[in-house]
Amino acid sequence: MESIQIRKAIPSDAADLLHMARTAFLQTFTAGNKPENVSAYLAEAFTLEQLSKEMENSNSVFFVAEKEEEIIAFSKVNFAPAQTDIHDDESLEIARLYVLEEHLGSGLGKRLLEIALDFAKKNGKKYLWLGVWEHNARAIRFYEKNGLRKFGSHPFPFGDEVQTDYLMRIDF
């Protein structure tokens, strides 16, 4: 793990970050979903234009993990104005936490989660929350193991269907 560096993303990371995000998304969400819904979501949420817009938003911060100058994981956190739900000034949302499949189980996800928790605390937040697909058992176990608890759910439009994301949080 010592050869992996984690830092805040900068605008010039956009293309590499987009490639990594699309790859991790496909690795995680292709199974159990209709291919046309996966394609539709990628076309909507994972374009260079959309990612650049998100990176320019002062209420969102991206952290990237690099190994040998290649982005292998990232997280995106949102302050209240950019949050997908809740919109509580006392909270920080993890909107995305993606790790390439070959690095799952390496502790990298935990490091990114810890960075988000520290970032939330340094910014005076009282809790951190996120939404996780109800069928992503591995991610749910990971978050529960790291102290997050389910407190609700919300609908997640995905192509021609509406899925359910569990809402999870940790207070500090």
N, C-alpha and C. Protein backbone atom coordinates (compact mmCIF):
# COMPACT_ATOMS: atom_id res chain seq x y z
N MET A 1 0.81 -1.21 0.00
CA MET A 1 0.00 0.00 0.00
C MET A 1 0.85 1.27 0.00
N GLU A 2 2.09 1.17 0.44
CA GLU A 2 2.89 2.38 0.55
C GLU A 2 3.20 3.02 -0.80
N SER A 3 3.10 2.26 -1.90
CA SER A 3 3.35 2.83 -3.21
C SER A 3 2.11 3.53 -3.77
N ILE A 4 1.02 3.55 -3.02
CA ILE A 4 -0.21 4.20 -3.46
C ILE A 4 -0.32 5.56 -2.79
N GLN A 5 -0.51 6.57 -3.60
CA GLN A 5 -0.66 7.94 -3.11
C GLN A 5 -2.11 8.37 -3.26
N ILE A 6 -2.65 9.04 -2.25
CA ILE A 6 -4.00 9.58 -2.32
C ILE A 6 -3.91 11.09 -2.19
N ARG A 7 -4.59 11.77 -3.09
CA ARG A 7 -4.56 13.24 -3.11
C ARG A 7 -5.89 13.77 -3.64
N LYS A 8 -6.11 15.07 -3.48
CA LYS A 8 -7.27 15.70 -4.09
C LYS A 8 -7.07 15.73 -5.60
N ALA A 9 -8.13 15.48 -6.31
CA ALA A 9 -8.07 15.51 -7.77
C ALA A 9 -7.96 16.96 -8.26
N ILE A 10 -7.36 17.11 -9.41
CA ILE A 10 -7.24 18.41 -10.07
C ILE A 10 -7.88 18.29 -11.46
N PRO A 11 -8.24 19.41 -12.08
CA PRO A 11 -8.94 19.35 -13.37
C PRO A 11 -8.24 18.50 -14.44
N SER A 12 -6.93 18.48 -14.43
CA SER A 12 -6.22 17.70 -15.45
C SER A 12 -6.34 16.19 -15.24
N ASP A 13 -6.91 15.77 -14.11
CA ASP A 13 -7.15 14.35 -13.85
C ASP A 13 -8.41 13.84 -14.55
N ALA A 14 -9.23 14.72 -15.07
CA ALA A 14 -10.57 14.36 -15.52
C ALA A 14 -10.61 13.16 -16.47
N ALA A 15 -9.81 13.15 -17.51
CA ALA A 15 -9.88 12.07 -18.50
C ALA A 15 -9.48 10.73 -17.88
N ASP A 16 -8.39 10.70 -17.11
CA ASP A 16 -7.95 9.46 -16.46
C ASP A 16 -8.97 9.01 -15.40
N LEU A 17 -9.52 9.97 -14.67
CA LEU A 17 -10.52 9.65 -13.66
C LEU A 17 -11.78 9.08 -14.31
N LEU A 18 -12.18 9.66 -15.42
CA LEU A 18 -13.35 9.16 -16.15
C LEU A 18 -13.14 7.72 -16.60
N HIS A 19 -11.99 7.43 -17.15
CA HIS A 19 -11.69 6.07 -17.61
C HIS A 19 -11.76 5.08 -16.44
N MET A 20 -11.15 5.44 -15.33
CA MET A 20 -11.16 4.57 -14.15
C MET A 20 -12.57 4.39 -13.61
N ALA A 21 -13.34 5.48 -13.53
CA ALA A 21 -14.70 5.42 -13.00
C ALA A 21 -15.60 4.54 -13.86
N ARG A 22 -15.49 4.69 -15.17
CA ARG A 22 -16.30 3.86 -16.07
C ARG A 22 -15.93 2.39 -15.92
N THR A 23 -14.63 2.11 -15.83
CA THR A 23 -14.17 0.72 -15.67
C THR A 23 -14.70 0.12 -14.38
N ALA A 24 -14.54 0.85 -13.27
CA ALA A 24 -15.00 0.34 -11.97
C ALA A 24 -16.52 0.18 -11.95
N PHE A 25 -17.22 1.11 -12.57
CA PHE A 25 -18.67 1.01 -12.61
C PHE A 25 -19.10 -0.26 -13.35
N LEU A 26 -18.49 -0.50 -14.50
CA LEU A 26 -18.81 -1.70 -15.28
C LEU A 26 -18.48 -2.97 -14.49
N GLN A 27 -17.34 -2.97 -13.81
CA GLN A 27 -16.94 -4.14 -13.01
C GLN A 27 -17.96 -4.42 -11.91
N THR A 28 -18.50 -3.39 -11.33
CA THR A 28 -19.38 -3.53 -10.17
C THR A 28 -20.84 -3.75 -10.53
N PHE A 29 -21.32 -3.04 -11.54
CA PHE A 29 -22.76 -2.98 -11.76
C PHE A 29 -23.27 -3.69 -13.02
N THR A 30 -22.41 -4.33 -13.79
CA THR A 30 -22.88 -5.03 -14.98
C THR A 30 -23.72 -6.25 -14.59
N ALA A 31 -23.24 -7.03 -13.63
CA ALA A 31 -23.99 -8.21 -13.17
C ALA A 31 -25.25 -7.74 -12.45
N GLY A 32 -26.37 -8.34 -12.80
CA GLY A 32 -27.62 -8.02 -12.13
C GLY A 32 -28.37 -6.83 -12.70
N ASN A 33 -27.84 -6.25 -13.76
CA ASN A 33 -28.52 -5.12 -14.39
C ASN A 33 -28.64 -5.35 -15.89
N LYS A 34 -29.67 -4.77 -16.48
CA LYS A 34 -29.86 -4.87 -17.92
C LYS A 34 -28.77 -4.07 -18.63
N PRO A 35 -28.13 -4.65 -19.66
CA PRO A 35 -27.06 -3.94 -20.37
C PRO A 35 -27.47 -2.56 -20.88
N GLU A 36 -28.71 -2.43 -21.34
CA GLU A 36 -29.14 -1.13 -21.86
C GLU A 36 -29.25 -0.09 -20.75
N ASN A 37 -29.56 -0.52 -19.52
CA ASN A 37 -29.61 0.43 -18.41
C ASN A 37 -28.21 0.85 -17.98
N VAL A 38 -27.28 -0.10 -18.00
CA VAL A 38 -25.89 0.22 -17.69
C VAL A 38 -25.37 1.23 -18.71
N SER A 39 -25.61 0.97 -19.97
CA SER A 39 -25.16 1.87 -21.05
C SER A 39 -25.78 3.25 -20.92
N ALA A 40 -27.09 3.29 -20.63
CA ALA A 40 -27.77 4.57 -20.50
C ALA A 40 -27.20 5.38 -19.34
N TYR A 41 -26.93 4.72 -18.22
CA TYR A 41 -26.39 5.43 -17.06
C TYR A 41 -24.97 5.94 -17.35
N LEU A 42 -24.15 5.11 -17.98
CA LEU A 42 -22.80 5.56 -18.34
C LEU A 42 -22.86 6.79 -19.25
N ALA A 43 -23.77 6.77 -20.21
CA ALA A 43 -23.90 7.88 -21.15
C ALA A 43 -24.37 9.16 -20.47
N GLU A 44 -25.09 9.01 -19.36
CA GLU A 44 -25.60 10.17 -18.64
C GLU A 44 -24.62 10.66 -17.57
N ALA A 45 -24.12 9.75 -16.75
CA ALA A 45 -23.36 10.13 -15.56
C ALA A 45 -21.85 10.12 -15.76
N PHE A 46 -21.36 9.38 -16.73
CA PHE A 46 -19.92 9.22 -16.89
C PHE A 46 -19.44 9.70 -18.25
N THR A 47 -19.60 11.00 -18.47
CA THR A 47 -19.05 11.65 -19.65
C THR A 47 -18.01 12.66 -19.18
N LEU A 48 -17.12 13.04 -20.05
CA LEU A 48 -16.10 14.03 -19.69
C LEU A 48 -16.76 15.35 -19.32
N GLU A 49 -17.80 15.72 -20.04
CA GLU A 49 -18.50 16.96 -19.74
C GLU A 49 -19.13 16.92 -18.34
N GLN A 50 -19.82 15.83 -18.01
CA GLN A 50 -20.46 15.71 -16.70
C GLN A 50 -19.42 15.66 -15.58
N LEU A 51 -18.38 14.87 -15.77
CA LEU A 51 -17.35 14.77 -14.73
C LEU A 51 -16.66 16.11 -14.52
N SER A 52 -16.35 16.80 -15.59
CA SER A 52 -15.69 18.11 -15.47
C SER A 52 -16.59 19.09 -14.71
N LYS A 53 -17.88 19.05 -15.01
CA LYS A 53 -18.84 19.90 -14.31
C LYS A 53 -18.85 19.59 -12.81
N GLU A 54 -18.85 18.30 -12.47
CA GLU A 54 -18.83 17.90 -11.06
C GLU A 54 -17.53 18.34 -10.39
N MET A 55 -16.42 18.22 -11.10
CA MET A 55 -15.12 18.60 -10.52
C MET A 55 -15.02 20.10 -10.31
N GLU A 56 -15.73 20.89 -11.11
CA GLU A 56 -15.71 22.34 -10.98
C GLU A 56 -16.62 22.84 -9.85
N ASN A 57 -17.52 21.97 -9.36
CA ASN A 57 -18.45 22.36 -8.32
C ASN A 57 -17.70 22.51 -6.99
N SER A 58 -17.75 23.70 -6.43
CA SER A 58 -17.01 23.96 -5.18
C SER A 58 -17.58 23.20 -3.98
N ASN A 59 -18.75 22.59 -4.14
CA ASN A 59 -19.35 21.81 -3.06
C ASN A 59 -19.06 20.32 -3.17
N SER A 60 -18.20 19.95 -4.11
CA SER A 60 -17.78 18.56 -4.29
C SER A 60 -16.26 18.50 -4.28
N VAL A 61 -15.74 17.42 -3.71
CA VAL A 61 -14.29 17.21 -3.68
C VAL A 61 -14.03 15.76 -4.09
N PHE A 62 -13.08 15.57 -4.99
CA PHE A 62 -12.68 14.24 -5.42
C PHE A 62 -11.32 13.92 -4.83
N PHE A 63 -11.17 12.71 -4.33
CA PHE A 63 -9.88 12.20 -3.89
C PHE A 63 -9.52 11.03 -4.81
N VAL A 64 -8.30 11.04 -5.33
CA VAL A 64 -7.87 9.96 -6.22
C VAL A 64 -6.72 9.20 -5.58
N ALA A 65 -6.73 7.90 -5.82
CA ALA A 65 -5.63 7.03 -5.38
C ALA A 65 -4.86 6.62 -6.62
N GLU A 66 -3.55 6.81 -6.58
CA GLU A 66 -2.71 6.51 -7.72
C GLU A 66 -1.64 5.49 -7.36
N LYS A 67 -1.37 4.63 -8.32
CA LYS A 67 -0.27 3.69 -8.21
C LYS A 67 0.48 3.80 -9.53
N GLU A 68 1.75 4.13 -9.45
CA GLU A 68 2.57 4.31 -10.64
C GLU A 68 1.90 5.25 -11.63
N GLU A 69 1.38 6.36 -11.11
CA GLU A 69 0.74 7.44 -11.88
C GLU A 69 -0.54 7.03 -12.58
N GLU A 70 -1.14 5.91 -12.18
CA GLU A 70 -2.42 5.48 -12.72
C GLU A 70 -3.46 5.56 -11.62
N ILE A 71 -4.61 6.16 -11.93
CA ILE A 71 -5.69 6.25 -10.95
C ILE A 71 -6.33 4.87 -10.84
N ILE A 72 -6.35 4.34 -9.60
CA ILE A 72 -6.88 2.99 -9.37
C ILE A 72 -8.10 3.00 -8.46
N ALA A 73 -8.40 4.16 -7.88
CA ALA A 73 -9.56 4.29 -7.00
C ALA A 73 -9.84 5.78 -6.81
N PHE A 74 -11.08 6.09 -6.42
CA PHE A 74 -11.39 7.48 -6.10
C PHE A 74 -12.62 7.54 -5.21
N SER A 75 -12.77 8.67 -4.57
CA SER A 75 -14.00 8.97 -3.86
C SER A 75 -14.41 10.38 -4.20
N LYS A 76 -15.70 10.61 -4.13
CA LYS A 76 -16.26 11.95 -4.34
C LYS A 76 -17.12 12.24 -3.13
N VAL A 77 -16.88 13.38 -2.48
CA VAL A 77 -17.69 13.79 -1.34
C VAL A 77 -18.41 15.09 -1.68
N ASN A 78 -19.60 15.24 -1.11
CA ASN A 78 -20.42 16.41 -1.38
C ASN A 78 -20.84 17.10 -0.10
N PHE A 79 -20.68 18.42 -0.11
CA PHE A 79 -21.28 19.25 0.93
C PHE A 79 -22.76 19.40 0.60
N ALA A 80 -23.56 19.89 1.53
CA ALA A 80 -25.03 19.91 1.42
C ALA A 80 -25.56 20.40 0.06
N PRO A 81 -25.09 21.52 -0.49
CA PRO A 81 -25.70 21.99 -1.74
C PRO A 81 -25.57 21.01 -2.92
N ALA A 82 -24.57 20.16 -2.90
CA ALA A 82 -24.35 19.22 -4.00
C ALA A 82 -24.85 17.81 -3.70
N GLN A 83 -25.38 17.59 -2.51
CA GLN A 83 -25.78 16.24 -2.10
C GLN A 83 -26.95 15.72 -2.93
N THR A 84 -26.98 14.40 -3.10
CA THR A 84 -28.04 13.75 -3.88
C THR A 84 -29.34 13.62 -3.08
N ASP A 85 -29.26 13.76 -1.79
CA ASP A 85 -30.40 13.61 -0.90
C ASP A 85 -29.99 14.30 0.42
N ILE A 86 -30.81 14.28 1.41
CA ILE A 86 -30.55 14.80 2.76
C ILE A 86 -30.38 16.33 2.75
N HIS A 87 -29.33 16.84 2.11
CA HIS A 87 -29.03 18.28 2.03
C HIS A 87 -28.97 18.91 3.43
N ASP A 88 -28.25 18.26 4.33
CA ASP A 88 -28.09 18.73 5.70
C ASP A 88 -26.70 19.34 5.83
N ASP A 89 -26.65 20.61 6.24
CA ASP A 89 -25.37 21.31 6.39
C ASP A 89 -24.46 20.66 7.41
N GLU A 90 -25.02 19.82 8.29
CA GLU A 90 -24.20 19.15 9.30
C GLU A 90 -23.61 17.84 8.80
N SER A 91 -23.84 17.53 7.52
CA SER A 91 -23.39 16.25 6.98
C SER A 91 -22.47 16.41 5.78
N LEU A 92 -21.76 15.33 5.49
CA LEU A 92 -20.97 15.20 4.27
C LEU A 92 -21.41 13.89 3.63
N GLU A 93 -21.67 13.92 2.33
CA GLU A 93 -22.06 12.72 1.60
C GLU A 93 -20.87 12.14 0.86
N ILE A 94 -20.73 10.82 0.92
CA ILE A 94 -19.83 10.14 -0.02
C ILE A 94 -20.73 9.77 -1.20
N ALA A 95 -20.57 10.48 -2.28
CA ALA A 95 -21.41 10.25 -3.46
C ALA A 95 -20.89 9.06 -4.27
N ARG A 96 -19.57 8.85 -4.24
CA ARG A 96 -18.97 7.71 -4.93
C ARG A 96 -17.72 7.28 -4.18
N LEU A 97 -17.51 5.98 -4.15
CA LEU A 97 -16.26 5.41 -3.65
C LEU A 97 -16.03 4.17 -4.51
N TYR A 98 -15.15 4.29 -5.49
CA TYR A 98 -14.91 3.23 -6.46
C TYR A 98 -13.46 2.78 -6.40
N VAL A 99 -13.29 1.47 -6.40
CA VAL A 99 -11.96 0.85 -6.41
C VAL A 99 -11.95 -0.17 -7.55
N LEU A 100 -10.92 -0.12 -8.38
CA LEU A 100 -10.83 -1.11 -9.45
C LEU A 100 -10.81 -2.51 -8.85
N GLU A 101 -11.45 -3.43 -9.55
CA GLU A 101 -11.64 -4.80 -9.08
C GLU A 101 -10.34 -5.45 -8.58
N GLU A 102 -9.25 -5.25 -9.29
CA GLU A 102 -7.99 -5.90 -8.91
C GLU A 102 -7.40 -5.36 -7.61
N HIS A 103 -7.97 -4.26 -7.09
CA HIS A 103 -7.48 -3.67 -5.84
C HIS A 103 -8.48 -3.83 -4.69
N LEU A 104 -9.61 -4.49 -4.97
CA LEU A 104 -10.57 -4.75 -3.89
C LEU A 104 -9.93 -5.65 -2.84
N GLY A 105 -10.20 -5.39 -1.58
CA GLY A 105 -9.64 -6.18 -0.49
C GLY A 105 -8.24 -5.75 -0.08
N SER A 106 -7.72 -4.70 -0.71
CA SER A 106 -6.35 -4.25 -0.43
C SER A 106 -6.28 -3.25 0.72
N GLY A 107 -7.45 -2.79 1.18
CA GLY A 107 -7.46 -1.75 2.21
C GLY A 107 -7.61 -0.35 1.62
N LEU A 108 -7.61 -0.25 0.32
CA LEU A 108 -7.69 1.05 -0.34
C LEU A 108 -9.05 1.72 -0.11
N GLY A 109 -10.12 0.95 -0.17
CA GLY A 109 -11.45 1.51 0.10
C GLY A 109 -11.53 2.06 1.51
N LYS A 110 -10.96 1.33 2.46
CA LYS A 110 -10.95 1.79 3.86
C LYS A 110 -10.16 3.09 3.99
N ARG A 111 -9.02 3.19 3.30
CA ARG A 111 -8.24 4.44 3.34
C ARG A 111 -9.04 5.61 2.78
N LEU A 112 -9.74 5.39 1.67
CA LEU A 112 -10.55 6.46 1.09
C LEU A 112 -11.70 6.84 2.03
N LEU A 113 -12.30 5.86 2.67
CA LEU A 113 -13.37 6.12 3.63
C LEU A 113 -12.82 6.93 4.81
N GLU A 114 -11.66 6.54 5.32
CA GLU A 114 -11.05 7.27 6.44
C GLU A 114 -10.72 8.71 6.06
N ILE A 115 -10.25 8.92 4.85
CA ILE A 115 -9.97 10.28 4.38
C ILE A 115 -11.26 11.10 4.35
N ALA A 116 -12.34 10.49 3.87
CA ALA A 116 -13.63 11.19 3.85
C ALA A 116 -14.11 11.52 5.26
N LEU A 117 -13.95 10.57 6.19
CA LEU A 117 -14.34 10.82 7.58
C LEU A 117 -13.52 11.96 8.18
N ASP A 118 -12.21 11.93 7.98
CA ASP A 118 -11.35 13.01 8.48
C ASP A 118 -11.72 14.34 7.87
N PHE A 119 -12.00 14.34 6.57
CA PHE A 119 -12.38 15.55 5.86
C PHE A 119 -13.69 16.11 6.44
N ALA A 120 -14.64 15.23 6.70
CA ALA A 120 -15.92 15.66 7.29
C ALA A 120 -15.69 16.29 8.66
N LYS A 121 -14.90 15.64 9.49
CA LYS A 121 -14.63 16.15 10.83
C LYS A 121 -13.91 17.50 10.77
N LYS A 122 -12.91 17.62 9.90
CA LYS A 122 -12.16 18.88 9.77
C LYS A 122 -13.06 20.01 9.30
N ASN A 123 -14.14 19.66 8.61
CA ASN A 123 -15.08 20.66 8.12
C ASN A 123 -16.27 20.84 9.05
N GLY A 124 -16.15 20.33 10.29
CA GLY A 124 -17.16 20.55 11.31
C GLY A 124 -18.47 19.82 11.12
N LYS A 125 -18.45 18.74 10.34
CA LYS A 125 -19.68 17.98 10.11
C LYS A 125 -19.94 17.03 11.28
N LYS A 126 -21.20 16.68 11.49
CA LYS A 126 -21.57 15.80 12.60
C LYS A 126 -21.74 14.36 12.17
N TYR A 127 -21.93 14.15 10.87
CA TYR A 127 -22.04 12.78 10.37
C TYR A 127 -21.71 12.72 8.88
N LEU A 128 -21.42 11.50 8.45
CA LEU A 128 -21.15 11.22 7.05
C LEU A 128 -22.19 10.20 6.60
N TRP A 129 -22.70 10.36 5.40
CA TRP A 129 -23.71 9.44 4.90
C TRP A 129 -23.44 9.10 3.44
N LEU A 130 -24.13 8.06 2.97
CA LEU A 130 -24.00 7.64 1.58
C LEU A 130 -25.20 6.80 1.19
N GLY A 131 -25.36 6.61 -0.10
CA GLY A 131 -26.36 5.69 -0.64
C GLY A 131 -25.63 4.53 -1.29
N VAL A 132 -26.12 3.32 -1.08
CA VAL A 132 -25.50 2.13 -1.65
C VAL A 132 -26.60 1.22 -2.20
N TRP A 133 -26.40 0.72 -3.41
CA TRP A 133 -27.39 -0.14 -4.06
C TRP A 133 -27.74 -1.31 -3.17
N GLU A 134 -29.01 -1.56 -2.99
CA GLU A 134 -29.46 -2.62 -2.09
C GLU A 134 -28.93 -4.00 -2.46
N HIS A 135 -28.53 -4.20 -3.71
CA HIS A 135 -28.02 -5.51 -4.15
C HIS A 135 -26.49 -5.57 -4.16
N ASN A 136 -25.83 -4.52 -3.68
CA ASN A 136 -24.36 -4.52 -3.63
C ASN A 136 -23.93 -5.00 -2.23
N ALA A 137 -24.08 -6.31 -2.02
CA ALA A 137 -23.83 -6.90 -0.69
C ALA A 137 -22.41 -6.65 -0.21
N ARG A 138 -21.44 -6.74 -1.10
CA ARG A 138 -20.04 -6.53 -0.69
C ARG A 138 -19.85 -5.12 -0.13
N ALA A 139 -20.39 -4.11 -0.82
CA ALA A 139 -20.24 -2.73 -0.35
C ALA A 139 -20.99 -2.52 0.97
N ILE A 140 -22.18 -3.09 1.08
CA ILE A 140 -22.95 -2.94 2.33
C ILE A 140 -22.17 -3.53 3.51
N ARG A 141 -21.61 -4.73 3.31
CA ARG A 141 -20.80 -5.35 4.38
C ARG A 141 -19.60 -4.47 4.72
N PHE A 142 -18.94 -3.93 3.71
CA PHE A 142 -17.78 -3.05 3.93
C PHE A 142 -18.17 -1.85 4.78
N TYR A 143 -19.26 -1.19 4.41
CA TYR A 143 -19.66 0.00 5.17
C TYR A 143 -20.09 -0.35 6.58
N GLU A 144 -20.82 -1.46 6.75
CA GLU A 144 -21.22 -1.87 8.09
C GLU A 144 -20.00 -2.20 8.95
N LYS A 145 -19.04 -2.89 8.36
CA LYS A 145 -17.81 -3.25 9.08
C LYS A 145 -17.06 -2.00 9.54
N ASN A 146 -17.24 -0.90 8.80
CA ASN A 146 -16.55 0.34 9.13
C ASN A 146 -17.44 1.33 9.87
N GLY A 147 -18.52 0.83 10.48
CA GLY A 147 -19.29 1.64 11.41
C GLY A 147 -20.51 2.35 10.85
N LEU A 148 -20.80 2.24 9.57
CA LEU A 148 -21.98 2.89 9.03
C LEU A 148 -23.20 1.99 9.26
N ARG A 149 -24.35 2.64 9.46
CA ARG A 149 -25.58 1.91 9.72
C ARG A 149 -26.68 2.42 8.79
N LYS A 150 -27.54 1.50 8.37
CA LYS A 150 -28.68 1.87 7.53
C LYS A 150 -29.63 2.74 8.33
N PHE A 151 -30.14 3.78 7.68
CA PHE A 151 -31.14 4.63 8.33
C PHE A 151 -32.30 4.97 7.41
N GLY A 152 -32.31 4.43 6.23
CA GLY A 152 -33.40 4.71 5.30
C GLY A 152 -33.04 4.22 3.92
N SER A 153 -33.80 4.70 2.95
CA SER A 153 -33.53 4.35 1.56
C SER A 153 -34.04 5.48 0.67
N HIS A 154 -33.59 5.45 -0.57
CA HIS A 154 -34.14 6.39 -1.55
C HIS A 154 -34.14 5.74 -2.93
N PRO A 155 -35.01 6.23 -3.81
CA PRO A 155 -35.07 5.68 -5.16
C PRO A 155 -33.86 6.14 -5.97
N PHE A 156 -33.39 5.27 -6.86
CA PHE A 156 -32.25 5.59 -7.71
C PHE A 156 -32.64 5.25 -9.15
N PRO A 157 -32.94 6.28 -9.97
CA PRO A 157 -33.30 6.03 -11.37
C PRO A 157 -32.11 5.42 -12.12
N PHE A 158 -32.37 4.32 -12.80
CA PHE A 158 -31.30 3.62 -13.50
C PHE A 158 -31.86 3.09 -14.81
N GLY A 159 -31.64 3.84 -15.88
CA GLY A 159 -32.20 3.45 -17.17
C GLY A 159 -33.71 3.48 -17.10
N ASP A 160 -34.35 2.35 -17.48
CA ASP A 160 -35.81 2.32 -17.52
C ASP A 160 -36.43 1.78 -16.23
N GLU A 161 -35.63 1.71 -15.17
CA GLU A 161 -36.17 1.25 -13.89
C GLU A 161 -35.74 2.16 -12.76
N VAL A 162 -36.41 2.01 -11.65
CA VAL A 162 -36.03 2.75 -10.44
C VAL A 162 -35.59 1.72 -9.41
N GLN A 163 -34.32 1.81 -9.03
CA GLN A 163 -33.77 0.89 -8.04
C GLN A 163 -33.82 1.54 -6.66
N THR A 164 -33.44 0.77 -5.65
CA THR A 164 -33.42 1.29 -4.28
C THR A 164 -31.99 1.31 -3.77
N ASP A 165 -31.61 2.45 -3.23
CA ASP A 165 -30.34 2.59 -2.53
C ASP A 165 -30.64 2.67 -1.05
N TYR A 166 -29.89 1.90 -0.25
CA TYR A 166 -29.95 2.07 1.19
C TYR A 166 -29.18 3.32 1.54
N LEU A 167 -29.67 4.07 2.49
CA LEU A 167 -28.94 5.21 3.03
C LEU A 167 -28.25 4.73 4.30
N MET A 168 -26.96 5.02 4.40
CA MET A 168 -26.16 4.60 5.55
C MET A 168 -25.41 5.80 6.09
N ARG A 169 -25.15 5.80 7.39
CA ARG A 169 -24.46 6.94 8.00
C ARG A 169 -23.61 6.50 9.18
N ILE A 170 -22.68 7.38 9.51
CA ILE A 170 -21.89 7.25 10.72
C ILE A 170 -21.83 8.62 11.38
N ASP A 171 -22.11 8.65 12.67
CA ASP A 171 -22.08 9.92 13.43
C ASP A 171 -20.75 10.02 14.17
N PHE A 172 -20.33 11.28 14.38
CA PHE A 172 -19.12 11.49 15.18
C PHE A 172 -19.29 12.71 16.07
